Amino acid sequence: MKLPCAAPLFSWLVLAAVFLTGCTTSPTTDPATATALDAILAGQHRVREHRARDPYRHPKETLQFFGIRQDMTVVEVWPGAGWYTEIIAPLLRDRGQLYVALLDPASGEYAKNTVETYRSKLQLRPDLYGKVVTTTLAAPPAKNEIAPPGSADLVLTFRNLHNWMMFGWERDALAAMHAALKPGGVLGVVAHRGDPTIPQDPKAASGYVREDYAIGMIEAAGFRLVERSEINANPKDTKNYEQGVWALPPNFADGDEARYKQIGESDRFTLKFVKVAQP
């Protein structure tokens, strides 16, 4: 048992607080974890381009908001190039456990290349990433066990909701995360925030998802929203670009880098949920 939140009594108290008040607070990041995050963020193992994005992605503040601790079992879903893995894996290396749910390499050339690059990254630094366990989050009807059922204290996903909506299997993705979490475990979600005055495109073709839409979708999967943060907000993001969110850094899909650098990366909501019921 790695955390107090694994204890049945604590889990029931979390659930009671959620149902009675509609709000709870996950375990706060302890001072030792905060200090470790500072050292990791300054580490030379991080890709230079990744470190340059810290002012937009606020990794320390975001992970602290989600309540990460060094002795947790954590699942990171669809890590891309491993931006957050560079931070979370060293943090959990000695006392915790990180599972990483990858794209299905059989689903296409992009997924295959992304997974191969990510696995190579892990293999190059076994001192940092040797304990990482990789799984797969694939399209239905695949059986998606992204971590042993009921084992995770925390599941994290960064800027992926629009992908699952685009593919039409957001319910299956959320169900896999729900199954991995302990009762009362935390789901942390960061996503590109859509314009609340515009109806939500169910396929999220622009990459943007309305915050209210996301909350309803995630709560329907057996979670309860307990806290939200503006850590990753950007009021300069007008969200009306021809190339969608990919016009902004770091993609610059419209080609006008000077213009979009003035805006910065996308406006994002940061939401914390707890597992409270079967989906």
Protein backbone atom coordinates (compact mmCIF):
# COMPACT_ATOMS: atom_id res chain seq x y z
CA MET A 1 0.00 0.00 0.00
CA LYS A 2 1.79 3.10 -1.24
CA LEU A 3 -0.56 5.90 -0.31
CA PRO A 4 -3.14 6.75 2.31
CA CYS A 5 -5.60 7.08 -0.58
CA ALA A 6 -5.27 3.35 -1.17
CA ALA A 7 -6.84 2.66 2.20
CA PRO A 8 -10.52 1.65 2.08
CA LEU A 9 -11.47 4.13 4.81
CA PHE A 10 -9.90 7.03 2.95
CA SER A 11 -11.56 6.00 -0.32
CA TRP A 12 -14.97 5.91 1.31
CA LEU A 13 -14.35 9.34 2.86
CA VAL A 14 -13.43 10.70 -0.58
CA LEU A 15 -16.59 9.27 -2.07
CA ALA A 16 -18.72 10.62 0.75
CA ALA A 17 -17.26 14.09 0.33
CA VAL A 18 -17.92 14.00 -3.39
CA PHE A 19 -21.53 12.97 -3.07
CA LEU A 20 -22.32 15.28 -0.15
CA THR A 21 -20.54 18.41 -1.27
CA GLY A 22 -19.80 17.89 -4.97
CA CYS A 23 -16.18 18.76 -4.25
CA THR A 24 -13.15 17.19 -2.68
CA THR A 25 -9.43 17.80 -2.58
CA SER A 26 -6.95 15.14 -3.64
CA PRO A 27 -3.81 14.68 -1.52
CA THR A 28 -1.65 17.77 -1.94
CA THR A 29 1.83 17.38 -3.35
CA ASP A 30 4.20 17.11 -0.39
CA PRO A 31 7.30 19.33 -0.04
CA ALA A 32 9.64 16.48 -1.00
CA THR A 33 7.77 15.94 -4.26
CA ALA A 34 7.81 19.67 -5.00
CA THR A 35 11.56 19.79 -4.44
CA ALA A 36 12.07 16.73 -6.65
CA LEU A 37 10.02 18.36 -9.41
CA ASP A 38 12.25 21.43 -9.31
CA ALA A 39 15.37 19.30 -9.77
CA ILE A 40 13.83 17.22 -12.56
CA LEU A 41 12.58 20.25 -14.47
CA ALA A 42 16.10 21.68 -14.42
CA GLY A 43 17.62 18.35 -15.49
CA GLN A 44 19.78 18.07 -18.59
CA HIS A 45 17.95 14.89 -19.62
CA ARG A 46 15.03 16.98 -20.85
CA VAL A 47 14.90 17.80 -24.56
CA ARG A 48 15.78 21.45 -25.06
CA GLU A 49 12.65 22.12 -27.11
CA HIS A 50 10.55 20.56 -24.35
CA ARG A 51 12.05 22.81 -21.69
CA ALA A 52 11.30 25.85 -23.87
CA ARG A 53 7.58 25.05 -23.59
CA ASP A 54 7.48 25.16 -19.78
CA PRO A 55 6.07 28.72 -19.71
CA TYR A 56 3.05 27.48 -21.69
CA ARG A 57 2.54 24.06 -20.11
CA HIS A 58 3.33 24.90 -16.45
CA PRO A 59 4.37 21.33 -15.59
CA LYS A 60 5.12 21.80 -11.90
CA GLU A 61 1.93 23.71 -11.16
CA THR A 62 -0.15 21.31 -13.25
CA LEU A 63 1.20 18.16 -11.60
CA GLN A 64 0.85 19.71 -8.15
CA PHE A 65 -2.75 20.62 -8.93
CA PHE A 66 -3.45 16.98 -9.75
CA GLY A 67 -1.85 15.98 -6.43
CA ILE A 68 1.01 13.87 -7.75
CA ARG A 69 3.32 12.28 -5.17
CA GLN A 70 6.52 10.31 -5.55
CA ASP A 71 4.98 7.11 -4.17
CA MET A 72 1.95 6.99 -6.47
CA THR A 73 1.00 4.59 -9.23
CA VAL A 74 0.36 6.85 -12.22
CA VAL A 75 -0.87 6.21 -15.76
CA GLU A 76 0.00 8.63 -18.55
CA VAL A 77 -2.24 8.17 -21.59
CA TRP A 78 -0.95 8.79 -25.12
CA PRO A 79 2.31 10.56 -24.20
CA GLY A 80 3.26 11.71 -27.71
CA ALA A 81 6.99 12.41 -27.76
CA GLY A 82 7.26 11.98 -24.00
CA TRP A 83 7.12 15.62 -22.91
CA TYR A 84 5.56 14.76 -19.56
CA THR A 85 7.24 11.35 -19.33
CA GLU A 86 10.58 13.16 -18.97
CA ILE A 87 9.21 14.62 -15.74
CA ILE A 88 6.93 11.94 -14.32
CA ALA A 89 9.15 8.89 -14.85
CA PRO A 90 12.15 10.24 -12.87
CA LEU A 91 9.77 11.50 -10.18
CA LEU A 92 8.29 8.02 -9.64
CA ARG A 93 11.44 6.01 -10.35
CA ASP A 94 12.37 5.10 -6.77
CA ARG A 95 9.10 4.92 -4.86
CA GLY A 96 6.26 4.86 -7.38
CA GLN A 97 5.23 3.27 -10.66
CA LEU A 98 4.48 4.78 -14.08
CA TYR A 99 2.37 3.03 -16.70
CA VAL A 100 2.25 4.65 -20.12
CA ALA A 101 -0.59 3.81 -22.52
CA LEU A 102 0.71 4.24 -26.07
CA LEU A 103 -0.94 4.57 -29.46
CA ASP A 104 -1.66 1.32 -31.26
CA PRO A 105 1.31 0.96 -33.65
CA ALA A 106 -0.83 -1.19 -35.94
CA SER A 107 -3.29 1.66 -36.51
CA GLY A 108 -1.19 3.52 -39.08
CA GLU A 109 2.21 4.87 -40.07
CA TYR A 110 2.01 7.92 -37.78
CA ALA A 111 1.20 5.78 -34.76
CA LYS A 112 3.90 3.26 -35.64
CA ASN A 113 6.59 5.94 -35.95
CA THR A 114 5.45 7.73 -32.80
CA VAL A 115 5.58 4.55 -30.73
CA GLU A 116 8.96 3.50 -32.12
CA THR A 117 10.43 6.93 -31.34
CA TYR A 118 8.97 6.90 -27.85
CA ARG A 119 10.27 3.40 -27.07
CA SER A 120 13.72 4.41 -28.32
CA LYS A 121 13.65 7.34 -25.94
CA LEU A 122 12.98 5.02 -23.01
CA GLN A 123 15.71 2.61 -24.05
CA LEU A 124 18.36 5.33 -24.28
CA ARG A 125 18.04 6.22 -20.59
CA PRO A 126 17.29 3.07 -18.56
CA ASP A 127 18.48 4.93 -15.46
CA LEU A 128 15.47 7.24 -15.82
CA TYR A 129 12.93 5.17 -17.71
CA GLY A 130 13.83 1.56 -16.96
CA LYS A 131 10.84 1.03 -14.65
CA VAL A 132 8.24 2.47 -17.02
CA VAL A 133 5.66 -0.12 -18.07
CA THR A 134 4.15 0.46 -21.51
CA THR A 135 0.64 -0.63 -22.48
CA THR A 136 -1.65 0.30 -25.38
CA LEU A 137 -4.86 2.30 -25.73
CA ALA A 138 -6.32 1.13 -29.02
CA ALA A 139 -9.56 1.48 -30.95
CA PRO A 140 -12.48 -0.73 -29.95
CA PRO A 141 -13.14 -3.61 -29.84
CA ALA A 142 -9.60 -3.99 -28.50
CA LYS A 143 -9.35 -4.85 -24.82
CA ASN A 144 -7.71 -1.80 -23.29
CA GLU A 145 -6.09 -2.64 -19.98
CA ILE A 146 -3.86 0.41 -19.65
CA ALA A 147 -2.83 -0.67 -16.14
CA PRO A 148 -3.91 -3.45 -13.79
CA PRO A 149 -7.57 -2.86 -12.89
CA GLY A 150 -8.05 -0.67 -9.83
CA SER A 151 -4.30 -0.09 -9.40
CA ALA A 152 -3.77 3.58 -10.26
CA ASP A 153 -3.85 6.51 -7.88
CA LEU A 154 -3.72 8.99 -10.76
CA VAL A 155 -4.42 8.88 -14.50
CA LEU A 156 -3.21 11.81 -16.63
CA THR A 157 -3.99 12.82 -20.18
CA PHE A 158 -2.74 15.96 -21.86
CA ARG A 159 -4.39 17.40 -25.01
CA ASN A 160 -5.93 14.13 -26.16
CA LEU A 161 -9.71 14.50 -25.77
CA HIS A 162 -10.09 15.89 -29.28
CA ASN A 163 -8.28 12.87 -30.73
CA TRP A 164 -10.68 10.37 -29.18
CA MET A 165 -13.66 12.47 -30.23
CA MET A 166 -12.27 12.63 -33.77
CA PHE A 167 -12.03 8.84 -33.83
CA GLY A 168 -15.44 8.44 -32.21
CA TRP A 169 -14.29 6.31 -29.29
CA GLU A 170 -13.97 8.77 -26.43
CA ARG A 171 -16.28 6.61 -24.30
CA ASP A 172 -13.99 3.61 -24.70
CA ALA A 173 -10.91 5.66 -23.83
CA LEU A 174 -12.55 7.05 -20.69
CA ALA A 175 -13.77 3.57 -19.73
CA ALA A 176 -10.18 2.28 -19.87
CA MET A 177 -9.04 5.09 -17.57
CA HIS A 178 -11.93 4.44 -15.22
CA ALA A 179 -11.04 0.75 -15.00
CA ALA A 180 -7.39 1.50 -14.20
CA LEU A 181 -8.15 3.81 -11.26
CA LYS A 182 -8.74 2.89 -7.66
CA PRO A 183 -12.06 3.98 -6.15
CA GLY A 184 -11.58 7.66 -5.37
CA GLY A 185 -8.56 7.83 -7.68
CA VAL A 186 -7.91 11.01 -9.63
CA LEU A 187 -8.25 11.64 -13.36
CA GLY A 188 -6.36 14.75 -14.52
CA VAL A 189 -7.29 16.22 -17.89
CA VAL A 190 -5.76 19.09 -19.84
CA ALA A 191 -7.30 19.96 -23.22
CA HIS A 192 -7.65 22.78 -25.74
CA ARG A 193 -10.62 24.84 -24.54
CA GLY A 194 -13.26 25.60 -27.16
CA ASP A 195 -15.42 28.69 -27.54
CA PRO A 196 -18.46 28.27 -25.22
CA THR A 197 -20.63 30.33 -27.58
CA ILE A 198 -20.20 27.88 -30.47
CA PRO A 199 -21.90 24.44 -30.58
CA GLN A 200 -19.45 21.64 -30.00
CA ASP A 201 -18.38 19.70 -33.06
CA PRO A 202 -18.74 16.07 -31.89
CA LYS A 203 -15.61 15.21 -33.88
CA ALA A 204 -13.63 18.20 -32.53
CA ALA A 205 -12.04 18.73 -35.95
CA SER A 206 -10.52 22.06 -34.85
CA GLY A 207 -8.82 20.41 -31.86
CA TYR A 208 -10.90 22.50 -29.43
CA VAL A 209 -13.37 21.05 -26.90
CA ARG A 210 -15.82 23.12 -24.91
CA GLU A 211 -15.13 22.82 -21.20
CA ASP A 212 -18.77 22.19 -20.29
CA TYR A 213 -18.99 19.53 -23.01
CA ALA A 214 -15.88 17.79 -21.72
CA ILE A 215 -17.15 17.80 -18.13
CA GLY A 216 -20.46 16.25 -19.16
CA MET A 217 -18.72 13.60 -21.27
CA ILE A 218 -16.27 12.65 -18.51
CA GLU A 219 -18.85 12.62 -15.73
CA ALA A 220 -21.04 10.34 -17.87
CA ALA A 221 -18.12 7.87 -17.82
CA GLY A 222 -18.26 7.50 -14.03
CA PHE A 223 -16.24 10.44 -12.78
CA ARG A 224 -17.10 13.52 -10.75
CA LEU A 225 -15.49 16.92 -11.28
CA VAL A 226 -13.91 18.11 -8.04
CA GLU A 227 -11.75 21.04 -9.05
CA ARG A 228 -10.74 23.13 -12.04
CA SER A 229 -7.78 25.41 -12.61
CA GLU A 230 -6.78 28.24 -14.93
CA ILE A 231 -3.09 27.26 -14.76
CA ASN A 232 -2.98 26.64 -18.51
CA ALA A 233 -5.37 29.38 -19.66
CA ASN A 234 -4.42 31.77 -22.48
CA PRO A 235 -6.91 34.61 -23.13
CA LYS A 236 -4.99 35.61 -26.30
CA ASP A 237 -6.17 32.43 -28.05
CA THR A 238 -9.10 33.44 -30.31
CA LYS A 239 -9.74 29.80 -31.36
CA ASN A 240 -10.88 30.73 -34.88
CA TYR A 241 -7.95 29.71 -37.07
CA GLU A 242 -8.34 28.08 -40.48
CA GLN A 243 -6.00 25.25 -39.42
CA GLY A 244 -7.58 24.92 -35.99
CA VAL A 245 -5.45 24.73 -32.88
CA TRP A 246 -2.52 23.49 -34.96
CA ALA A 247 -2.00 27.05 -36.27
CA LEU A 248 -0.56 27.90 -32.85
CA PRO A 249 2.85 26.92 -31.46
CA PRO A 250 4.48 24.48 -31.62
CA ASN A 251 2.93 23.40 -34.95
CA PHE A 252 2.47 26.68 -36.88
CA ALA A 253 0.26 24.91 -39.43
CA ASP A 254 -0.70 28.24 -41.06
CA GLY A 255 2.96 29.10 -41.57
CA ASP A 256 2.77 32.58 -40.01
CA GLU A 257 5.09 31.98 -37.06
CA ALA A 258 5.51 35.64 -36.13
CA ARG A 259 1.76 36.11 -35.74
CA TYR A 260 1.14 32.99 -33.72
CA LYS A 261 4.16 33.41 -31.48
CA GLN A 262 2.49 36.59 -30.24
CA ILE A 263 -0.50 34.50 -29.17
CA GLY A 264 1.40 31.59 -27.71
CA GLU A 265 0.11 28.06 -27.17
CA SER A 266 -3.58 27.28 -26.89
CA ASP A 267 -5.99 28.22 -24.15
CA ARG A 268 -6.45 25.04 -22.09
CA PHE A 269 -8.72 23.89 -19.32
CA THR A 270 -7.24 21.86 -16.49
CA LEU A 271 -9.75 19.61 -14.73
CA LYS A 272 -9.50 17.19 -11.82
CA PHE A 273 -12.02 14.37 -11.46
CA VAL A 274 -12.42 11.44 -9.08
CA LYS A 275 -13.68 7.97 -9.89
CA VAL A 276 -17.06 7.61 -8.18
CA ALA A 277 -19.12 5.03 -10.07
CA GLN A 278 -19.24 2.47 -12.81
CA PRO A 279 -19.59 4.13 -16.24
